[in-house]
Amino acid sequence: MGIIASRCCDAGGHINPAVTFGLLLARKLTLTRAVFYMIMQCLGAICGAGVVKGFQKSPYEILGGGANTVSTGYSKGSGLGVEILGTFVLVYTVFSATDAKRSARDSHVPVSKNKCYFFSLMSFYH
């Protein structure tokens, strides 16, 4: 994850389809390029899951293939709300990190994106 975060300015911050969709809505991408990126991101996720399943079959099956579930005591609506909030924070962080109008932007990109991932993940694990 650190490698992806550190390459944000070179790659444009396309780390998942939500970010790519946000950049499409902000008119920083063409529709063709955005669709291509989203398809490739999903194919990469499928390939990654296949590699994990191939090398770690038992933990993969015990953990439900890595699928997210809502913890007991929380509703599906609250889980959806946290997902929406975490996605907003991620997209907002990528937008602020890749803003061409910011000065000295290269120095804070890995820190800000890793903080975003950390806080998004910590909201799920208590």
N, C-alpha and C. Protein backbone atom coordinates (compact mmCIF):
# COMPACT_ATOMS: atom_id res chain seq x y z
N MET A 1 0.82 -1.18 0.00
CA MET A 1 0.00 0.00 0.00
C MET A 1 0.87 1.25 0.00
N GLY A 2 1.98 1.21 0.67
CA GLY A 2 2.87 2.36 0.69
C GLY A 2 3.42 2.69 -0.68
N ILE A 3 3.70 1.66 -1.47
CA ILE A 3 4.20 1.88 -2.82
C ILE A 3 3.14 2.57 -3.67
N ILE A 4 1.90 2.11 -3.55
CA ILE A 4 0.82 2.72 -4.31
C ILE A 4 0.64 4.17 -3.88
N ALA A 5 0.66 4.42 -2.58
CA ALA A 5 0.47 5.77 -2.08
C ALA A 5 1.60 6.69 -2.52
N SER A 6 2.81 6.19 -2.55
CA SER A 6 3.94 7.04 -2.93
C SER A 6 3.95 7.34 -4.42
N ARG A 7 3.28 6.55 -5.22
CA ARG A 7 3.25 6.75 -6.67
C ARG A 7 2.01 7.53 -7.11
N CYS A 8 1.28 8.09 -6.19
CA CYS A 8 0.02 8.77 -6.48
C CYS A 8 0.19 9.87 -7.52
N CYS A 9 1.20 10.68 -7.38
CA CYS A 9 1.35 11.82 -8.30
C CYS A 9 1.74 11.37 -9.70
N ASP A 10 2.45 10.25 -9.82
CA ASP A 10 2.82 9.75 -11.14
C ASP A 10 1.65 9.06 -11.82
N ALA A 11 0.86 8.29 -11.04
CA ALA A 11 -0.23 7.51 -11.61
C ALA A 11 -1.55 8.25 -11.60
N GLY A 12 -1.62 9.41 -10.98
CA GLY A 12 -2.86 10.16 -10.96
C GLY A 12 -3.79 9.77 -9.83
N GLY A 13 -3.37 8.87 -8.95
CA GLY A 13 -4.19 8.50 -7.81
C GLY A 13 -5.26 7.46 -8.10
N HIS A 14 -5.15 6.76 -9.21
CA HIS A 14 -6.17 5.77 -9.56
C HIS A 14 -5.91 4.48 -8.80
N ILE A 15 -6.40 4.42 -7.57
CA ILE A 15 -6.13 3.26 -6.75
C ILE A 15 -7.33 2.36 -6.59
N ASN A 16 -8.52 2.84 -6.91
CA ASN A 16 -9.71 1.99 -6.93
C ASN A 16 -10.79 2.66 -7.78
N PRO A 17 -11.84 1.94 -8.12
CA PRO A 17 -12.86 2.52 -8.99
C PRO A 17 -13.57 3.75 -8.41
N ALA A 18 -13.67 3.86 -7.10
CA ALA A 18 -14.33 5.03 -6.51
C ALA A 18 -13.53 6.30 -6.81
N VAL A 19 -12.22 6.21 -6.72
CA VAL A 19 -11.36 7.36 -7.02
C VAL A 19 -11.46 7.69 -8.51
N THR A 20 -11.43 6.69 -9.35
CA THR A 20 -11.52 6.91 -10.79
C THR A 20 -12.87 7.54 -11.15
N PHE A 21 -13.94 7.06 -10.53
CA PHE A 21 -15.27 7.63 -10.78
C PHE A 21 -15.33 9.09 -10.32
N GLY A 22 -14.72 9.38 -9.18
CA GLY A 22 -14.66 10.76 -8.70
C GLY A 22 -13.91 11.66 -9.66
N LEU A 23 -12.80 11.17 -10.18
CA LEU A 23 -12.03 11.95 -11.16
C LEU A 23 -12.80 12.13 -12.47
N LEU A 24 -13.61 11.13 -12.83
CA LEU A 24 -14.46 11.26 -14.01
C LEU A 24 -15.51 12.36 -13.79
N LEU A 25 -16.13 12.35 -12.62
CA LEU A 25 -17.14 13.37 -12.32
C LEU A 25 -16.54 14.77 -12.28
N ALA A 26 -15.28 14.86 -11.87
CA ALA A 26 -14.60 16.15 -11.83
C ALA A 26 -14.04 16.56 -13.19
N ARG A 27 -14.31 15.74 -14.19
CA ARG A 27 -13.87 15.99 -15.57
C ARG A 27 -12.36 16.03 -15.72
N LYS A 28 -11.69 15.20 -14.94
CA LYS A 28 -10.24 15.07 -15.08
C LYS A 28 -9.87 13.85 -15.91
N LEU A 29 -10.89 13.09 -16.34
CA LEU A 29 -10.71 11.90 -17.16
C LEU A 29 -11.78 11.86 -18.24
N THR A 30 -11.45 11.22 -19.35
CA THR A 30 -12.48 10.96 -20.35
C THR A 30 -13.27 9.72 -19.94
N LEU A 31 -14.46 9.58 -20.47
CA LEU A 31 -15.29 8.42 -20.15
C LEU A 31 -14.61 7.12 -20.56
N THR A 32 -14.00 7.11 -21.73
CA THR A 32 -13.33 5.91 -22.22
C THR A 32 -12.20 5.48 -21.30
N ARG A 33 -11.38 6.43 -20.90
CA ARG A 33 -10.26 6.12 -20.02
C ARG A 33 -10.74 5.67 -18.64
N ALA A 34 -11.78 6.31 -18.12
CA ALA A 34 -12.31 5.94 -16.81
C ALA A 34 -12.87 4.52 -16.82
N VAL A 35 -13.62 4.19 -17.85
CA VAL A 35 -14.17 2.83 -17.94
C VAL A 35 -13.04 1.81 -18.06
N PHE A 36 -12.03 2.11 -18.88
CA PHE A 36 -10.88 1.22 -19.01
C PHE A 36 -10.18 1.03 -17.67
N TYR A 37 -9.93 2.13 -16.94
CA TYR A 37 -9.28 2.03 -15.64
C TYR A 37 -10.10 1.19 -14.66
N MET A 38 -11.42 1.42 -14.64
CA MET A 38 -12.26 0.67 -13.70
C MET A 38 -12.28 -0.82 -14.03
N ILE A 39 -12.33 -1.15 -15.30
CA ILE A 39 -12.31 -2.56 -15.69
C ILE A 39 -10.97 -3.18 -15.28
N MET A 40 -9.87 -2.50 -15.54
CA MET A 40 -8.56 -3.03 -15.18
C MET A 40 -8.40 -3.15 -13.66
N GLN A 41 -8.94 -2.20 -12.90
CA GLN A 41 -8.86 -2.26 -11.44
C GLN A 41 -9.64 -3.47 -10.91
N CYS A 42 -10.81 -3.71 -11.47
CA CYS A 42 -11.60 -4.87 -11.05
C CYS A 42 -10.93 -6.18 -11.45
N LEU A 43 -10.37 -6.23 -12.64
CA LEU A 43 -9.64 -7.44 -13.06
C LEU A 43 -8.42 -7.67 -12.18
N GLY A 44 -7.74 -6.59 -11.80
CA GLY A 44 -6.60 -6.72 -10.89
C GLY A 44 -7.02 -7.25 -9.53
N ALA A 45 -8.16 -6.81 -9.04
CA ALA A 45 -8.67 -7.31 -7.76
C ALA A 45 -9.03 -8.80 -7.85
N ILE A 46 -9.63 -9.19 -8.96
CA ILE A 46 -9.98 -10.60 -9.16
C ILE A 46 -8.72 -11.46 -9.23
N CYS A 47 -7.71 -10.99 -9.96
CA CYS A 47 -6.44 -11.73 -10.05
C CYS A 47 -5.76 -11.81 -8.69
N GLY A 48 -5.79 -10.70 -7.95
CA GLY A 48 -5.19 -10.70 -6.62
C GLY A 48 -5.89 -11.68 -5.69
N ALA A 49 -7.22 -11.74 -5.75
CA ALA A 49 -7.95 -12.70 -4.93
C ALA A 49 -7.62 -14.14 -5.34
N GLY A 50 -7.45 -14.35 -6.63
CA GLY A 50 -7.06 -15.68 -7.11
C GLY A 50 -5.69 -16.10 -6.61
N VAL A 51 -4.75 -15.16 -6.59
CA VAL A 51 -3.40 -15.46 -6.09
C VAL A 51 -3.45 -15.79 -4.60
N VAL A 52 -4.20 -14.99 -3.84
CA VAL A 52 -4.32 -15.25 -2.40
C VAL A 52 -4.97 -16.60 -2.17
N LYS A 53 -6.04 -16.90 -2.92
CA LYS A 53 -6.70 -18.20 -2.76
C LYS A 53 -5.78 -19.35 -3.13
N GLY A 54 -4.95 -19.14 -4.15
CA GLY A 54 -4.02 -20.19 -4.57
C GLY A 54 -2.94 -20.49 -3.54
N PHE A 55 -2.43 -19.44 -2.89
CA PHE A 55 -1.34 -19.63 -1.93
C PHE A 55 -1.82 -19.83 -0.49
N GLN A 56 -2.98 -19.35 -0.15
CA GLN A 56 -3.49 -19.42 1.22
C GLN A 56 -4.93 -19.95 1.22
N LYS A 57 -5.14 -21.15 0.70
CA LYS A 57 -6.49 -21.67 0.52
C LYS A 57 -7.25 -21.81 1.82
N SER A 58 -6.63 -22.36 2.85
CA SER A 58 -7.34 -22.58 4.11
C SER A 58 -7.75 -21.27 4.78
N PRO A 59 -6.82 -20.29 4.98
CA PRO A 59 -7.26 -19.02 5.57
C PRO A 59 -8.27 -18.29 4.69
N TYR A 60 -8.13 -18.43 3.39
CA TYR A 60 -9.06 -17.78 2.46
C TYR A 60 -10.48 -18.27 2.70
N GLU A 61 -10.64 -19.58 2.84
CA GLU A 61 -11.97 -20.14 3.04
C GLU A 61 -12.49 -19.88 4.44
N ILE A 62 -11.63 -19.92 5.45
CA ILE A 62 -12.05 -19.65 6.83
C ILE A 62 -12.56 -18.22 6.96
N LEU A 63 -11.90 -17.28 6.30
CA LEU A 63 -12.25 -15.87 6.40
C LEU A 63 -13.29 -15.43 5.37
N GLY A 64 -13.91 -16.38 4.71
CA GLY A 64 -14.97 -16.03 3.75
C GLY A 64 -14.46 -15.37 2.50
N GLY A 65 -13.24 -15.63 2.12
CA GLY A 65 -12.69 -15.05 0.90
C GLY A 65 -12.33 -13.59 1.03
N GLY A 66 -12.29 -13.08 2.24
CA GLY A 66 -11.93 -11.69 2.45
C GLY A 66 -13.09 -10.73 2.29
N ALA A 67 -14.30 -11.27 2.20
CA ALA A 67 -15.48 -10.40 2.04
C ALA A 67 -15.74 -9.65 3.33
N ASN A 68 -16.12 -8.38 3.20
CA ASN A 68 -16.45 -7.57 4.37
C ASN A 68 -17.82 -7.95 4.89
N THR A 69 -17.94 -8.00 6.20
CA THR A 69 -19.22 -8.23 6.84
C THR A 69 -19.41 -7.19 7.94
N VAL A 70 -20.64 -6.94 8.28
CA VAL A 70 -20.95 -5.99 9.35
C VAL A 70 -20.87 -6.74 10.67
N SER A 71 -20.17 -6.17 11.65
CA SER A 71 -20.03 -6.80 12.95
C SER A 71 -21.37 -6.90 13.66
N THR A 72 -21.48 -7.87 14.55
CA THR A 72 -22.71 -8.01 15.31
C THR A 72 -22.93 -6.76 16.15
N GLY A 73 -24.17 -6.37 16.26
CA GLY A 73 -24.50 -5.18 17.02
C GLY A 73 -24.64 -3.94 16.15
N TYR A 74 -24.30 -4.05 14.88
CA TYR A 74 -24.42 -2.93 13.94
C TYR A 74 -25.39 -3.31 12.83
N SER A 75 -26.12 -2.34 12.34
CA SER A 75 -27.06 -2.60 11.25
C SER A 75 -26.34 -2.49 9.90
N LYS A 76 -26.98 -3.00 8.88
CA LYS A 76 -26.41 -2.87 7.53
C LYS A 76 -26.38 -1.42 7.10
N GLY A 77 -27.34 -0.64 7.58
CA GLY A 77 -27.37 0.79 7.26
C GLY A 77 -26.17 1.53 7.84
N SER A 78 -25.78 1.18 9.07
CA SER A 78 -24.59 1.83 9.65
C SER A 78 -23.32 1.37 8.93
N GLY A 79 -23.29 0.12 8.51
CA GLY A 79 -22.15 -0.35 7.72
C GLY A 79 -22.04 0.38 6.39
N LEU A 80 -23.18 0.60 5.75
CA LEU A 80 -23.20 1.36 4.50
C LEU A 80 -22.75 2.79 4.74
N GLY A 81 -23.20 3.39 5.83
CA GLY A 81 -22.81 4.76 6.15
C GLY A 81 -21.31 4.90 6.35
N VAL A 82 -20.71 3.93 7.04
CA VAL A 82 -19.26 3.96 7.26
C VAL A 82 -18.53 3.77 5.94
N GLU A 83 -19.04 2.90 5.07
CA GLU A 83 -18.42 2.71 3.75
C GLU A 83 -18.47 4.01 2.94
N ILE A 84 -19.61 4.68 2.97
CA ILE A 84 -19.75 5.94 2.23
C ILE A 84 -18.80 6.98 2.80
N LEU A 85 -18.73 7.09 4.12
CA LEU A 85 -17.84 8.05 4.75
C LEU A 85 -16.37 7.75 4.43
N GLY A 86 -15.98 6.48 4.55
CA GLY A 86 -14.60 6.10 4.24
C GLY A 86 -14.24 6.36 2.79
N THR A 87 -15.17 6.09 1.87
CA THR A 87 -14.93 6.35 0.45
C THR A 87 -14.79 7.84 0.19
N PHE A 88 -15.64 8.65 0.85
CA PHE A 88 -15.53 10.09 0.69
C PHE A 88 -14.17 10.59 1.16
N VAL A 89 -13.72 10.11 2.33
CA VAL A 89 -12.43 10.54 2.86
C VAL A 89 -11.30 10.13 1.92
N LEU A 90 -11.38 8.92 1.37
CA LEU A 90 -10.35 8.46 0.44
C LEU A 90 -10.32 9.32 -0.81
N VAL A 91 -11.48 9.56 -1.42
CA VAL A 91 -11.52 10.35 -2.66
C VAL A 91 -11.09 11.78 -2.38
N TYR A 92 -11.53 12.35 -1.26
CA TYR A 92 -11.14 13.71 -0.90
C TYR A 92 -9.63 13.80 -0.71
N THR A 93 -9.04 12.80 -0.07
CA THR A 93 -7.59 12.78 0.15
C THR A 93 -6.84 12.70 -1.18
N VAL A 94 -7.31 11.86 -2.09
CA VAL A 94 -6.66 11.75 -3.39
C VAL A 94 -6.78 13.07 -4.15
N PHE A 95 -7.96 13.68 -4.10
CA PHE A 95 -8.13 14.97 -4.77
C PHE A 95 -7.19 16.03 -4.20
N SER A 96 -7.08 16.09 -2.88
CA SER A 96 -6.20 17.10 -2.29
C SER A 96 -4.73 16.78 -2.54
N ALA A 97 -4.39 15.50 -2.61
CA ALA A 97 -3.00 15.12 -2.83
C ALA A 97 -2.56 15.32 -4.27
N THR A 98 -3.50 15.26 -5.21
CA THR A 98 -3.14 15.40 -6.62
C THR A 98 -3.51 16.76 -7.19
N ASP A 99 -3.86 17.70 -6.34
CA ASP A 99 -4.24 19.04 -6.79
C ASP A 99 -3.01 19.77 -7.30
N ALA A 100 -3.06 20.19 -8.55
CA ALA A 100 -1.91 20.85 -9.16
C ALA A 100 -1.67 22.24 -8.60
N LYS A 101 -2.65 22.83 -7.95
CA LYS A 101 -2.51 24.18 -7.43
C LYS A 101 -1.82 24.24 -6.07
N ARG A 102 -1.64 23.08 -5.43
CA ARG A 102 -0.97 23.05 -4.12
C ARG A 102 0.54 23.17 -4.31
N SER A 103 1.19 23.85 -3.39
CA SER A 103 2.65 23.93 -3.45
C SER A 103 3.24 22.87 -2.53
N ALA A 104 4.39 22.36 -2.89
CA ALA A 104 5.09 21.31 -2.14
C ALA A 104 4.18 20.11 -1.91
N ARG A 105 3.41 19.74 -2.91
CA ARG A 105 2.45 18.66 -2.73
C ARG A 105 3.10 17.28 -2.63
N ASP A 106 4.28 17.12 -3.21
CA ASP A 106 4.90 15.80 -3.22
C ASP A 106 5.34 15.34 -1.84
N SER A 107 5.51 16.24 -0.92
CA SER A 107 6.03 15.85 0.39
C SER A 107 4.99 15.22 1.29
N HIS A 108 3.71 15.46 1.08
CA HIS A 108 2.70 14.96 1.99
C HIS A 108 1.82 13.85 1.42
N VAL A 109 2.00 13.47 0.18
CA VAL A 109 1.12 12.49 -0.44
C VAL A 109 1.14 11.14 0.27
N PRO A 110 2.29 10.51 0.50
CA PRO A 110 2.26 9.21 1.18
C PRO A 110 1.69 9.31 2.59
N VAL A 111 1.99 10.36 3.29
CA VAL A 111 1.52 10.50 4.67
C VAL A 111 0.00 10.65 4.69
N SER A 112 -0.54 11.54 3.88
CA SER A 112 -1.98 11.79 3.91
C SER A 112 -2.77 10.57 3.44
N LYS A 113 -2.31 9.88 2.40
CA LYS A 113 -3.05 8.72 1.92
C LYS A 113 -2.96 7.56 2.89
N ASN A 114 -1.81 7.37 3.52
CA ASN A 114 -1.70 6.30 4.50
C ASN A 114 -2.55 6.60 5.73
N LYS A 115 -2.64 7.85 6.14
CA LYS A 115 -3.53 8.21 7.24
C LYS A 115 -4.97 7.91 6.86
N CYS A 116 -5.33 8.21 5.65
CA CYS A 116 -6.69 7.96 5.18
C CYS A 116 -7.00 6.46 5.24
N TYR A 117 -6.11 5.63 4.74
CA TYR A 117 -6.31 4.19 4.80
C TYR A 117 -6.39 3.72 6.24
N PHE A 118 -5.50 4.21 7.08
CA PHE A 118 -5.46 3.79 8.46
C PHE A 118 -6.78 4.10 9.17
N PHE A 119 -7.25 5.33 9.06
CA PHE A 119 -8.48 5.70 9.74
C PHE A 119 -9.70 5.01 9.15
N SER A 120 -9.70 4.75 7.84
CA SER A 120 -10.81 4.03 7.24
C SER A 120 -10.84 2.59 7.76
N LEU A 121 -9.67 1.97 7.85
CA LEU A 121 -9.62 0.59 8.34
C LEU A 121 -9.93 0.52 9.84
N MET A 122 -9.46 1.49 10.61
CA MET A 122 -9.70 1.47 12.05
C MET A 122 -11.16 1.68 12.40
N SER A 123 -11.93 2.27 11.51
CA SER A 123 -13.36 2.45 11.80
C SER A 123 -14.09 1.10 11.75
N PHE A 124 -13.50 0.11 11.09
CA PHE A 124 -14.13 -1.20 11.01
C PHE A 124 -13.68 -2.14 12.12
N TYR A 125 -12.49 -1.95 12.62
CA TYR A 125 -11.95 -2.85 13.63
C TYR A 125 -11.90 -2.13 14.97
N HIS A 126 -12.66 -2.58 15.91
CA HIS A 126 -12.67 -1.94 17.22
C HIS A 126 -12.35 -2.92 18.31
